Amino acid sequence: MGRAAIYPAVFLTGAAVMVIELIGTRIIAPFYGASLYVWSSLISTTMMALALGYFIGGRWADRSQSNGLSLIIALAGLMTLMIPWISRSVLLATDPLGLRAGALVSAMILFSQSLTFLGMAGPFAIKLSTDHLEGVGASSGSIYAVSTLGSVVGTLFLGFFLFPLLGSREILIWTGVALFTVSIALCWYEQRRLKIATALLPSLFVTMIGLSLVPYVVGAGRVYAGAKGYQIHYERESLYGWVRVIDQPARDLRLLTSDASAIGAASIRSGENRLGYQQFVQLIPALRPQLKNALLIGLGAGHMARTLADRFGVTTDTLEIDPVVAGAATNYFGFVPTGRAIIGDARYEIRRLEGPYDLIIVDCFTGGSEPAHLLTVETLIQLKELLSETGFVLLNFVAFADGGNDPALASVARTVAQVFTHQSVFIAEPDKEFNDFVFLASRQPVEFSKSSLTAADLQWLQARRFFVNQARGRLLTDNLNPIEILQIRKSEQYRHVLLDRLGQDVIAR
């Protein structure tokens, strides 16, 4: 009977550990990005909190009269409910610490308490399930096996079912309520089977406090209503971030954002594109008159695909990882696919594509965090294999100019040069330090003066030619890719730009 009562509790605490750890990315990523630093911070916090919980739980279990497991699980439930309540304040308070320290301190403040209590449950469960000294090994092995199995099931259930159906706040609330339920059930076991008359009172008290906080936790969720002059038009949490469509009527501007990234911009009245770097796409047909088909990796609002179709009759396959972004592009920016509309991770999907394409556009590096696996020698080789002999790869990358010496920008140039014989680099807005940089790469040399570009277009391009010192960069490969480290300054700048323009609530919920 003892083990029959304890094993379900241990199973649930193991599942709760992984739910909290994985939900952590949904809490922190909108503010600090889904970078390696965020994952490292969450994993480190989880390991430190569990280690502390094992230590404290073992000491407490030895000194107690076999009771305490129900109270520990109730406290874990209470701390879990606190996470969405205090998350916004914690994220804003840690912002001055920068990307790495801010992500780590935020993770420790938000998640260490609940994870420590969950770690304490293991030693207590081992003591309760052990009748004799010679049974300690079997009991501890069984407890940790059941807890680990719970972690596996929790991970799969969260990723396959809960994430697509519920928001992160709701998942944390239900996790806290589930822990309260198990706590009350264990109280009955401690009171009836262990003859501890007062076992129910502490856990019941903590549970009542926690349940009374649920309405406040639900109400603490801020629905972004727009900063001054901005209006929220659409908002939805996807598997990859918070996707929003935000209007600024005074500037005739509609933005498409995902977490701390602006991935699309258009005129509200006309629907015309408002992102300057995308104007380079209009010039490609003059460089490649026989352009017939294209591949766009990173859909955004879909303007580049629309331009190629409406002006030049080019069929464009699109590849976007987030179905919510694709839906927003269709419903709010007038995007209509002219080729295959593929939803999936680019690195996987490009292996399944059949070329050749006359133009491949890679537009995945405009936001607050970098999908580093899409910017390596190996990825560019795969794209080169999909490219026609006279085709182009157009890659957009956000960085600081630094006179062409920015290490991140130089690393991209060096990596592109490793795969393609010819490349040209352009800066979107020559008078700004923080900018979009467009790389045009090909097998064949590009003779701009002999193309069908107009004199005005040639002058426009020449004014934006940019020299990058490749010696300042590193080769980016699947084995070694430090692009996230090199782009810390850019990620912080991007976050602050959105905070200044759109207000705190847009990325700190």
Protein backbone atom coordinates (compact mmCIF):
# COMPACT_ATOMS: atom_id res chain seq x y z
CA MET A 1 0.00 0.00 0.00
CA GLY A 2 2.85 2.39 0.81
CA ARG A 3 4.52 2.04 -2.56
CA ALA A 4 1.18 2.06 -4.38
CA ALA A 5 0.51 5.48 -2.88
CA ILE A 6 4.03 6.86 -3.35
CA TYR A 7 4.81 5.79 -6.93
CA PRO A 8 2.09 7.92 -8.60
CA ALA A 9 3.30 10.94 -6.63
CA VAL A 10 6.91 10.31 -7.67
CA PHE A 11 5.81 9.83 -11.29
CA LEU A 12 4.00 13.18 -11.29
CA THR A 13 6.89 15.07 -9.69
CA GLY A 14 9.23 13.68 -12.35
CA ALA A 15 6.84 14.83 -15.05
CA ALA A 16 6.49 18.26 -13.40
CA VAL A 17 10.27 18.77 -13.46
CA MET A 18 10.40 18.46 -17.24
CA VAL A 19 7.24 20.48 -17.77
CA ILE A 20 8.69 23.39 -15.79
CA GLU A 21 12.08 23.15 -17.50
CA LEU A 22 10.61 23.09 -21.01
CA ILE A 23 8.00 25.74 -20.25
CA GLY A 24 10.91 27.91 -19.19
CA THR A 25 11.80 28.51 -22.82
CA ARG A 26 8.28 29.79 -23.48
CA ILE A 27 8.56 32.17 -20.53
CA ILE A 28 12.06 33.51 -21.21
CA ALA A 29 12.35 33.24 -25.02
CA PRO A 30 9.97 36.11 -25.86
CA PHE A 31 12.35 38.40 -23.96
CA TYR A 32 15.82 36.90 -24.35
CA GLY A 33 15.30 34.73 -27.44
CA ALA A 34 15.44 30.95 -27.83
CA SER A 35 19.22 30.92 -27.95
CA LEU A 36 21.80 28.51 -26.61
CA TYR A 37 22.20 30.84 -23.62
CA VAL A 38 18.56 30.43 -22.63
CA TRP A 39 18.73 26.65 -22.89
CA SER A 40 22.02 26.54 -20.98
CA SER A 41 20.54 28.74 -18.26
CA LEU A 42 17.45 26.57 -17.89
CA ILE A 43 19.34 23.28 -17.85
CA SER A 44 21.90 24.63 -15.35
CA THR A 45 19.15 25.99 -13.11
CA THR A 46 17.32 22.66 -13.22
CA MET A 47 20.42 20.66 -12.31
CA MET A 48 21.43 23.03 -9.48
CA ALA A 49 17.91 23.12 -8.04
CA LEU A 50 17.53 19.34 -8.14
CA ALA A 51 20.93 18.85 -6.52
CA LEU A 52 19.97 21.26 -3.75
CA GLY A 53 16.62 19.51 -3.38
CA TYR A 54 18.24 16.07 -3.07
CA PHE A 55 20.57 17.38 -0.37
CA ILE A 56 17.96 19.25 1.68
CA GLY A 57 15.35 16.54 1.17
CA GLY A 58 17.69 13.85 2.41
CA ARG A 59 18.52 15.79 5.57
CA TRP A 60 14.86 16.61 6.21
CA ALA A 61 13.75 13.01 5.63
CA ASP A 62 16.25 11.72 8.19
CA ARG A 63 15.04 14.15 10.85
CA SER A 64 11.30 13.83 10.23
CA GLN A 65 8.81 11.30 11.53
CA SER A 66 8.14 9.99 8.00
CA ASN A 67 5.81 12.85 7.19
CA GLY A 68 6.60 15.81 4.95
CA LEU A 69 6.25 14.48 1.41
CA SER A 70 2.75 15.88 1.01
CA LEU A 71 3.86 19.29 2.30
CA ILE A 72 6.86 19.35 -0.05
CA ILE A 73 4.68 18.59 -3.09
CA ALA A 74 2.16 21.24 -2.02
CA LEU A 75 4.97 23.81 -1.74
CA ALA A 76 6.20 22.77 -5.20
CA GLY A 77 2.70 23.41 -6.53
CA LEU A 78 2.59 26.84 -4.89
CA MET A 79 5.98 27.82 -6.34
CA THR A 80 4.88 26.60 -9.77
CA LEU A 81 1.84 28.87 -9.65
CA MET A 82 4.09 31.79 -8.77
CA ILE A 83 6.11 31.49 -12.00
CA PRO A 84 3.63 33.11 -14.43
CA TRP A 85 2.62 35.65 -11.76
CA ILE A 86 6.11 37.14 -11.33
CA SER A 87 7.67 36.38 -14.74
CA ARG A 88 7.13 39.82 -16.28
CA SER A 89 8.60 41.69 -13.32
CA VAL A 90 11.61 39.37 -13.17
CA LEU A 91 12.39 39.66 -16.88
CA LEU A 92 12.22 43.44 -16.85
CA ALA A 93 14.34 43.62 -13.71
CA THR A 94 17.08 41.42 -15.20
CA ASP A 95 17.23 43.25 -18.54
CA PRO A 96 20.15 45.52 -17.48
CA LEU A 97 22.27 42.40 -16.85
CA GLY A 98 22.51 41.64 -20.58
CA LEU A 99 21.64 38.52 -22.54
CA ARG A 100 23.69 35.85 -20.79
CA ALA A 101 23.52 37.02 -17.17
CA GLY A 102 19.92 38.16 -17.60
CA ALA A 103 18.76 34.78 -18.93
CA LEU A 104 20.59 32.91 -16.15
CA VAL A 105 19.38 35.09 -13.29
CA SER A 106 15.82 35.07 -14.65
CA ALA A 107 15.84 31.27 -14.85
CA MET A 108 17.19 30.95 -11.31
CA ILE A 109 14.64 33.34 -9.80
CA LEU A 110 11.66 31.93 -11.69
CA PHE A 111 12.24 28.18 -11.59
CA SER A 112 14.71 27.20 -8.86
CA GLN A 113 12.21 27.22 -5.97
CA SER A 114 9.68 24.84 -7.53
CA LEU A 115 12.41 22.57 -8.90
CA THR A 116 14.16 22.43 -5.52
CA PHE A 117 10.97 21.25 -3.81
CA LEU A 118 10.41 18.68 -6.55
CA GLY A 119 13.95 17.42 -6.02
CA MET A 120 13.27 17.06 -2.28
CA ALA A 121 10.45 14.62 -3.01
CA GLY A 122 12.83 11.84 -4.05
CA PRO A 123 14.64 11.30 -0.72
CA PHE A 124 11.34 11.41 1.19
CA ALA A 125 9.78 8.86 -1.14
CA ILE A 126 12.77 6.55 -0.71
CA LYS A 127 12.44 6.68 3.06
CA LEU A 128 8.69 6.02 2.97
CA SER A 129 9.07 3.06 0.62
CA THR A 130 11.91 1.39 2.56
CA ASP A 131 11.02 -1.02 5.35
CA HIS A 132 14.47 -2.44 6.08
CA LEU A 133 18.04 -1.35 5.55
CA GLU A 134 18.71 -4.13 3.08
CA GLY A 135 15.93 -2.80 0.87
CA VAL A 136 17.39 0.69 0.39
CA GLY A 137 19.01 -0.12 -2.94
CA ALA A 138 15.85 -1.57 -4.47
CA SER A 139 13.68 1.22 -3.10
CA SER A 140 15.92 4.04 -4.30
CA GLY A 141 16.34 2.42 -7.71
CA SER A 142 12.59 2.00 -8.09
CA ILE A 143 11.84 5.56 -6.98
CA TYR A 144 14.32 7.12 -9.40
CA ALA A 145 13.18 4.82 -12.20
CA VAL A 146 9.56 5.87 -11.72
CA SER A 147 10.56 9.54 -11.47
CA THR A 148 12.60 9.32 -14.66
CA LEU A 149 9.75 7.55 -16.45
CA GLY A 150 7.50 10.41 -15.36
CA SER A 151 9.98 12.88 -16.83
CA VAL A 152 9.93 11.02 -20.15
CA VAL A 153 6.14 10.90 -20.28
CA GLY A 154 5.89 14.54 -19.20
CA THR A 155 8.28 15.63 -21.93
CA LEU A 156 6.47 13.73 -24.67
CA PHE A 157 2.99 14.71 -23.47
CA LEU A 158 3.98 18.36 -23.24
CA GLY A 159 5.68 18.52 -26.63
CA PHE A 160 3.21 16.40 -28.59
CA PHE A 161 -0.10 17.44 -27.03
CA LEU A 162 -0.11 20.27 -24.48
CA PHE A 163 2.02 22.84 -26.32
CA PRO A 164 -0.23 22.90 -29.41
CA LEU A 165 -3.39 23.14 -27.29
CA LEU A 166 -2.64 25.32 -24.27
CA GLY A 167 -0.65 28.43 -23.50
CA SER A 168 2.38 28.28 -21.23
CA ARG A 169 0.54 30.09 -18.42
CA GLU A 170 -2.33 27.61 -18.48
CA ILE A 171 0.05 24.63 -18.49
CA LEU A 172 1.83 25.93 -15.40
CA ILE A 173 -1.47 26.55 -13.61
CA TRP A 174 -2.70 23.02 -14.30
CA THR A 175 0.66 21.59 -13.24
CA GLY A 176 0.36 23.43 -9.92
CA VAL A 177 -3.22 22.19 -9.43
CA ALA A 178 -2.14 18.61 -10.20
CA LEU A 179 0.61 18.85 -7.58
CA PHE A 180 -1.93 20.13 -5.02
CA THR A 181 -4.20 17.17 -5.81
CA VAL A 182 -1.39 14.66 -5.27
CA SER A 183 -0.43 16.44 -2.06
CA ILE A 184 -3.91 16.06 -0.59
CA ALA A 185 -3.97 12.37 -1.59
CA LEU A 186 -0.65 11.82 0.16
CA CYS A 187 -2.01 13.57 3.25
CA TRP A 188 -4.60 10.84 3.53
CA TYR A 189 -1.84 8.22 3.29
CA GLU A 190 0.31 9.96 5.90
CA GLN A 191 -2.62 10.43 8.26
CA ARG A 192 -4.24 7.00 7.89
CA ARG A 193 -1.34 4.66 7.21
CA LEU A 194 1.44 6.38 9.16
CA LYS A 195 -0.89 7.41 12.01
CA ILE A 196 0.13 11.10 11.79
CA ALA A 197 -2.92 12.99 12.97
CA THR A 198 -1.74 16.45 11.89
CA ALA A 199 -0.43 15.46 8.43
CA LEU A 200 -3.33 17.07 6.62
CA LEU A 201 -3.15 20.55 8.12
CA PRO A 202 0.12 22.00 6.65
CA SER A 203 -0.50 20.67 3.15
CA LEU A 204 -4.13 21.72 3.17
CA PHE A 205 -3.13 25.21 4.30
CA VAL A 206 -0.57 25.58 1.47
CA THR A 207 -3.05 24.15 -1.05
CA MET A 208 -5.74 26.62 -0.02
CA ILE A 209 -3.29 29.49 -0.40
CA GLY A 210 -2.26 28.24 -3.84
CA LEU A 211 -5.80 27.74 -5.11
CA SER A 212 -6.81 31.19 -3.86
CA LEU A 213 -4.00 32.64 -5.99
CA VAL A 214 -5.16 30.99 -9.24
CA PRO A 215 -7.52 33.86 -10.27
CA TYR A 216 -4.72 36.37 -9.70
CA VAL A 217 -2.24 34.26 -11.68
CA VAL A 218 -4.70 34.05 -14.57
CA GLY A 219 -5.31 37.80 -14.37
CA ALA A 220 -1.58 38.53 -14.29
CA GLY A 221 -1.30 37.54 -17.94
CA ARG A 222 -1.04 40.73 -19.95
CA VAL A 223 -2.68 40.80 -23.33
CA TYR A 224 -0.68 43.24 -25.40
CA ALA A 225 -2.98 46.12 -26.29
CA GLY A 226 -0.36 48.20 -28.07
CA ALA A 227 1.94 50.95 -26.92
CA LYS A 228 1.06 54.58 -27.52
CA GLY A 229 0.08 54.89 -31.17
CA TYR A 230 0.11 51.11 -31.72
CA GLN A 231 -2.83 48.71 -31.88
CA ILE A 232 -2.78 44.94 -31.51
CA HIS A 233 -4.51 43.37 -34.49
CA TYR A 234 -3.79 39.69 -33.91
CA GLU A 235 -1.96 37.64 -31.27
CA ARG A 236 -1.34 33.93 -30.89
CA GLU A 237 1.17 31.74 -29.09
CA SER A 238 2.71 29.16 -31.41
CA LEU A 239 5.17 26.34 -30.84
CA TYR A 240 7.97 28.79 -31.66
CA GLY A 241 6.95 32.06 -30.03
CA TRP A 242 4.35 34.79 -29.62
CA VAL A 243 3.18 35.90 -33.05
CA ARG A 244 1.54 39.30 -33.32
CA VAL A 245 0.23 41.66 -35.98
CA ILE A 246 0.58 45.23 -34.71
CA ASP A 247 -0.71 48.37 -36.43
CA GLN A 248 0.60 51.93 -36.16
CA PRO A 249 -2.07 53.92 -38.05
CA ALA A 250 -0.24 57.24 -37.79
CA ARG A 251 2.64 55.84 -39.87
CA ASP A 252 0.42 53.63 -42.05
CA LEU A 253 2.46 50.71 -40.72
CA ARG A 254 1.55 47.11 -39.96
CA LEU A 255 4.18 44.90 -38.27
CA LEU A 256 4.45 41.12 -38.03
CA THR A 257 6.45 40.12 -34.95
CA SER A 258 7.51 36.83 -33.40
CA ASP A 259 8.75 37.21 -29.83
CA ALA A 260 11.42 39.93 -29.91
CA SER A 261 11.70 39.94 -33.71
CA ALA A 262 10.02 42.06 -36.36
CA ILE A 263 9.78 39.73 -39.36
CA GLY A 264 7.45 41.70 -41.63
CA ALA A 265 6.22 45.25 -42.24
CA ALA A 266 3.70 46.67 -44.68
CA SER A 267 1.52 49.67 -45.44
CA ILE A 268 -1.89 49.28 -43.81
CA ARG A 269 -3.66 50.97 -46.73
CA SER A 270 -1.87 49.51 -49.74
CA GLY A 271 -0.21 46.38 -48.36
CA GLU A 272 3.12 47.41 -49.90
CA ASN A 273 6.30 46.16 -48.29
CA ARG A 274 8.01 48.55 -45.84
CA LEU A 275 11.25 46.63 -45.22
CA GLY A 276 14.06 48.31 -47.17
CA TYR A 277 16.35 45.32 -47.59
CA GLN A 278 13.66 43.44 -49.52
CA GLN A 279 13.98 45.96 -52.37
CA PHE A 280 17.05 44.02 -53.55
CA VAL A 281 14.74 41.24 -54.72
CA GLN A 282 13.26 43.56 -57.34
CA LEU A 283 16.65 43.85 -59.04
CA ILE A 284 17.41 40.14 -59.36
CA PRO A 285 15.37 39.59 -62.56
CA ALA A 286 17.52 42.22 -64.29
CA LEU A 287 20.62 40.25 -63.35
CA ARG A 288 19.04 36.93 -64.31
CA PRO A 289 16.52 37.59 -67.13
CA GLN A 290 15.56 33.89 -67.43
CA LEU A 291 14.49 33.72 -63.77
CA LYS A 292 11.56 31.30 -63.56
CA ASN A 293 11.42 29.75 -60.12
CA ALA A 294 12.61 30.64 -56.62
CA LEU A 295 12.79 29.29 -53.09
CA LEU A 296 12.12 31.54 -50.10
CA ILE A 297 13.39 30.25 -46.73
CA GLY A 298 11.80 32.28 -43.95
CA LEU A 299 8.42 33.51 -45.14
CA GLY A 300 7.90 36.51 -42.87
CA ALA A 301 4.97 38.47 -44.26
CA GLY A 302 5.49 36.95 -47.73
CA HIS A 303 6.33 40.18 -49.54
CA MET A 304 9.34 38.90 -51.48
CA ALA A 305 7.35 36.00 -52.88
CA ARG A 306 4.54 38.41 -53.79
CA THR A 307 6.95 40.77 -55.55
CA LEU A 308 8.48 37.98 -57.61
CA ALA A 309 5.04 36.73 -58.64
CA ASP A 310 3.27 40.04 -59.30
CA ARG A 311 6.08 41.84 -61.12
CA PHE A 312 7.99 39.07 -62.83
CA GLY A 313 5.73 36.03 -62.90
CA VAL A 314 8.19 33.96 -60.88
CA THR A 315 6.87 30.86 -59.13
CA THR A 316 8.18 30.72 -55.57
CA ASP A 317 8.24 27.81 -53.16
CA THR A 318 8.13 29.02 -49.55
CA LEU A 319 9.56 27.32 -46.49
CA GLU A 320 8.46 28.52 -43.04
CA ILE A 321 8.91 26.72 -39.72
CA ASP A 322 5.98 28.38 -37.90
CA PRO A 323 2.46 27.68 -39.21
CA VAL A 324 1.11 30.62 -37.18
CA VAL A 325 3.45 33.00 -39.03
CA ALA A 326 2.31 31.52 -42.33
CA GLY A 327 -1.31 32.00 -41.33
CA ALA A 328 -0.70 35.62 -40.31
CA ALA A 329 1.04 36.32 -43.63
CA THR A 330 -1.98 34.98 -45.49
CA ASN A 331 -4.71 36.58 -43.38
CA TYR A 332 -3.17 39.99 -42.63
CA PHE A 333 -0.60 40.66 -45.36
CA GLY A 334 -2.32 39.22 -48.43
CA PHE A 335 0.20 36.45 -49.11
CA VAL A 336 -0.97 33.89 -51.67
CA PRO A 337 1.38 30.96 -52.45
CA THR A 338 2.42 30.63 -56.08
CA GLY A 339 4.39 27.43 -55.49
CA ARG A 340 4.66 24.89 -52.72
CA ALA A 341 3.98 26.30 -49.25
CA ILE A 342 6.07 24.09 -46.98
CA ILE A 343 5.83 24.18 -43.17
CA GLY A 344 8.88 22.73 -41.44
CA ASP A 345 12.47 23.27 -40.39
CA ALA A 346 14.54 24.37 -43.37
CA ARG A 347 17.52 22.14 -42.67
CA TYR A 348 15.31 19.06 -42.85
CA GLU A 349 13.05 20.17 -45.65
CA ILE A 350 15.74 21.28 -48.13
CA ARG A 351 17.00 17.69 -48.24
CA ARG A 352 13.62 16.72 -49.67
CA LEU A 353 13.45 19.44 -52.33
CA GLU A 354 14.34 18.99 -55.96
CA GLY A 355 15.92 21.85 -57.86
CA PRO A 356 17.16 23.56 -59.69
CA TYR A 357 16.06 26.98 -58.47
CA ASP A 358 17.12 30.16 -60.24
CA LEU A 359 16.98 32.09 -56.97
CA ILE A 360 17.16 31.00 -53.33
CA ILE A 361 16.39 33.63 -50.69
CA VAL A 362 17.45 32.95 -47.09
CA ASP A 363 15.72 35.40 -44.73
CA CYS A 364 15.93 33.76 -41.30
CA PHE A 365 18.42 36.03 -39.53
CA THR A 366 16.53 39.26 -38.93
CA GLY A 367 15.29 38.57 -35.41
CA GLY A 368 16.59 38.52 -31.88
CA SER A 369 18.07 35.02 -32.02
CA GLU A 370 19.89 33.12 -34.74
CA PRO A 371 18.95 29.70 -36.17
CA ALA A 372 22.65 28.86 -36.27
CA HIS A 373 22.14 25.51 -38.01
CA LEU A 374 20.94 27.38 -41.12
CA LEU A 375 24.15 29.39 -41.43
CA THR A 376 26.95 26.87 -41.91
CA VAL A 377 29.13 25.63 -44.74
CA GLU A 378 27.10 22.42 -44.83
CA THR A 379 23.78 24.26 -45.21
CA LEU A 380 25.14 26.47 -47.99
CA ILE A 381 26.45 23.39 -49.82
CA GLN A 382 22.95 21.91 -49.68
CA LEU A 383 21.52 25.14 -51.09
CA LYS A 384 24.17 25.25 -53.79
CA GLU A 385 23.10 21.78 -54.91
CA LEU A 386 19.54 23.09 -55.36
CA LEU A 387 20.72 26.09 -57.39
CA SER A 388 20.82 26.31 -61.17
CA GLU A 389 24.20 26.90 -62.80
CA THR A 390 23.53 30.62 -63.26
CA GLY A 391 21.37 31.08 -60.18
CA PHE A 392 21.80 33.27 -57.10
CA VAL A 393 21.57 32.83 -53.35
CA LEU A 394 20.37 36.01 -51.63
CA LEU A 395 20.99 35.97 -47.87
CA ASN A 396 19.90 38.71 -45.49
CA PHE A 397 21.77 39.16 -42.21
CA VAL A 398 21.34 41.76 -39.45
CA ALA A 399 24.50 43.06 -37.79
CA PHE A 400 26.54 46.14 -36.99
CA ALA A 401 28.61 47.69 -39.77
CA ASP A 402 31.75 48.49 -37.72
CA GLY A 403 33.48 49.51 -40.94
CA GLY A 404 33.22 45.95 -42.26
CA ASN A 405 35.04 44.54 -39.22
CA ASP A 406 32.10 43.15 -37.27
CA PRO A 407 33.10 39.53 -36.44
CA ALA A 408 29.62 38.13 -37.07
CA LEU A 409 29.30 39.86 -40.44
CA ALA A 410 32.83 38.82 -41.37
CA SER A 411 32.09 35.21 -40.41
CA VAL A 412 29.08 35.11 -42.72
CA ALA A 413 31.15 36.54 -45.58
CA ARG A 414 33.92 34.03 -44.99
CA THR A 415 31.47 31.12 -44.83
CA VAL A 416 29.69 32.17 -48.01
CA ALA A 417 33.08 32.53 -49.76
CA GLN A 418 33.97 28.98 -48.75
CA VAL A 419 31.06 27.61 -50.80
CA PHE A 420 30.45 30.15 -53.58
CA THR A 421 33.08 31.48 -55.94
CA HIS A 422 31.52 34.92 -56.17
CA GLN A 423 29.73 37.12 -53.65
CA SER A 424 28.71 40.76 -53.35
CA VAL A 425 27.64 42.44 -50.11
CA PHE A 426 25.23 45.36 -49.83
CA ILE A 427 24.06 47.45 -46.88
CA ALA A 428 20.34 48.28 -46.80
CA GLU A 429 20.62 51.76 -45.26
CA PRO A 430 24.11 53.24 -45.73
CA ASP A 431 23.70 55.92 -43.07
CA LYS A 432 22.97 53.51 -40.19
CA GLU A 433 25.34 51.42 -38.07
CA PHE A 434 22.81 48.73 -37.10
CA ASN A 435 21.64 47.38 -40.41
CA ASP A 436 20.50 44.66 -42.78
CA PHE A 437 23.28 43.26 -44.97
CA VAL A 438 22.41 41.44 -48.18
CA PHE A 439 24.78 38.81 -49.54
CA LEU A 440 24.44 37.90 -53.21
CA ALA A 441 26.31 34.67 -53.97
CA SER A 442 26.66 32.66 -57.18
CA ARG A 443 28.84 30.27 -59.14
CA GLN A 444 29.23 32.73 -62.00
CA PRO A 445 30.57 36.30 -61.75
CA VAL A 446 27.90 39.00 -61.62
CA GLU A 447 28.55 41.80 -64.11
CA PHE A 448 26.25 44.53 -62.89
CA SER A 449 27.28 47.01 -65.59
CA LYS A 450 26.37 44.56 -68.38
CA SER A 451 23.01 43.66 -66.94
CA SER A 452 19.68 45.18 -67.88
CA LEU A 453 19.64 47.30 -64.72
CA THR A 454 18.70 50.93 -65.29
CA ALA A 455 21.22 53.66 -64.58
CA ALA A 456 19.24 54.61 -61.48
CA ASP A 457 19.27 51.01 -60.22
CA LEU A 458 23.02 50.75 -60.82
CA GLN A 459 23.61 53.94 -58.91
CA TRP A 460 21.37 52.73 -56.09
CA LEU A 461 23.33 49.47 -55.86
CA GLN A 462 26.72 51.11 -56.02
CA ALA A 463 25.80 53.41 -53.16
CA ARG A 464 25.12 50.33 -51.06
CA ARG A 465 28.14 48.19 -51.92
CA PHE A 466 29.85 47.21 -48.70
CA PHE A 467 33.31 45.78 -48.04
CA VAL A 468 33.57 43.10 -45.36
CA ASN A 469 36.93 42.13 -43.92
CA GLN A 470 36.72 38.35 -43.99
CA ALA A 471 39.93 38.04 -42.00
CA ARG A 472 37.96 39.19 -38.94
CA GLY A 473 35.56 36.27 -39.21
CA ARG A 474 35.49 32.56 -38.48
CA LEU A 475 34.32 29.73 -40.68
CA LEU A 476 30.88 28.56 -39.55
CA THR A 477 30.35 24.79 -39.68
CA ASP A 478 28.04 22.23 -38.12
CA ASN A 479 30.93 21.26 -35.88
CA LEU A 480 31.83 24.79 -34.73
CA ASN A 481 29.40 27.66 -35.09
CA PRO A 482 29.89 30.57 -32.65
CA ILE A 483 27.41 32.85 -34.41
CA GLU A 484 25.20 33.19 -31.30
CA ILE A 485 28.17 34.38 -29.26
CA LEU A 486 29.17 36.81 -32.01
CA GLN A 487 25.62 38.20 -32.16
CA ILE A 488 25.02 38.94 -28.48
CA ARG A 489 25.25 42.69 -29.07
CA LYS A 490 22.83 42.44 -31.96
CA SER A 491 20.29 40.43 -29.93
CA GLU A 492 20.36 42.98 -27.12
CA GLN A 493 20.02 45.86 -29.57
CA TYR A 494 17.07 44.21 -31.27
CA ARG A 495 15.28 43.68 -27.96
CA HIS A 496 15.79 47.26 -26.87
CA VAL A 497 14.53 48.62 -30.20
CA LEU A 498 11.25 46.73 -29.78
CA LEU A 499 10.97 47.73 -26.13
CA ASP A 500 11.45 51.40 -27.00
CA ARG A 501 9.03 51.38 -29.90
CA LEU A 502 6.30 48.98 -28.86
CA GLY A 503 6.46 49.02 -25.08
CA GLN A 504 7.36 46.44 -22.45
CA ASP A 505 4.26 44.29 -22.79
CA VAL A 506 5.10 43.25 -26.35
CA ILE A 507 7.84 40.89 -25.15
CA ALA A 508 7.47 40.79 -21.35
CA ARG A 509 4.20 39.10 -20.48
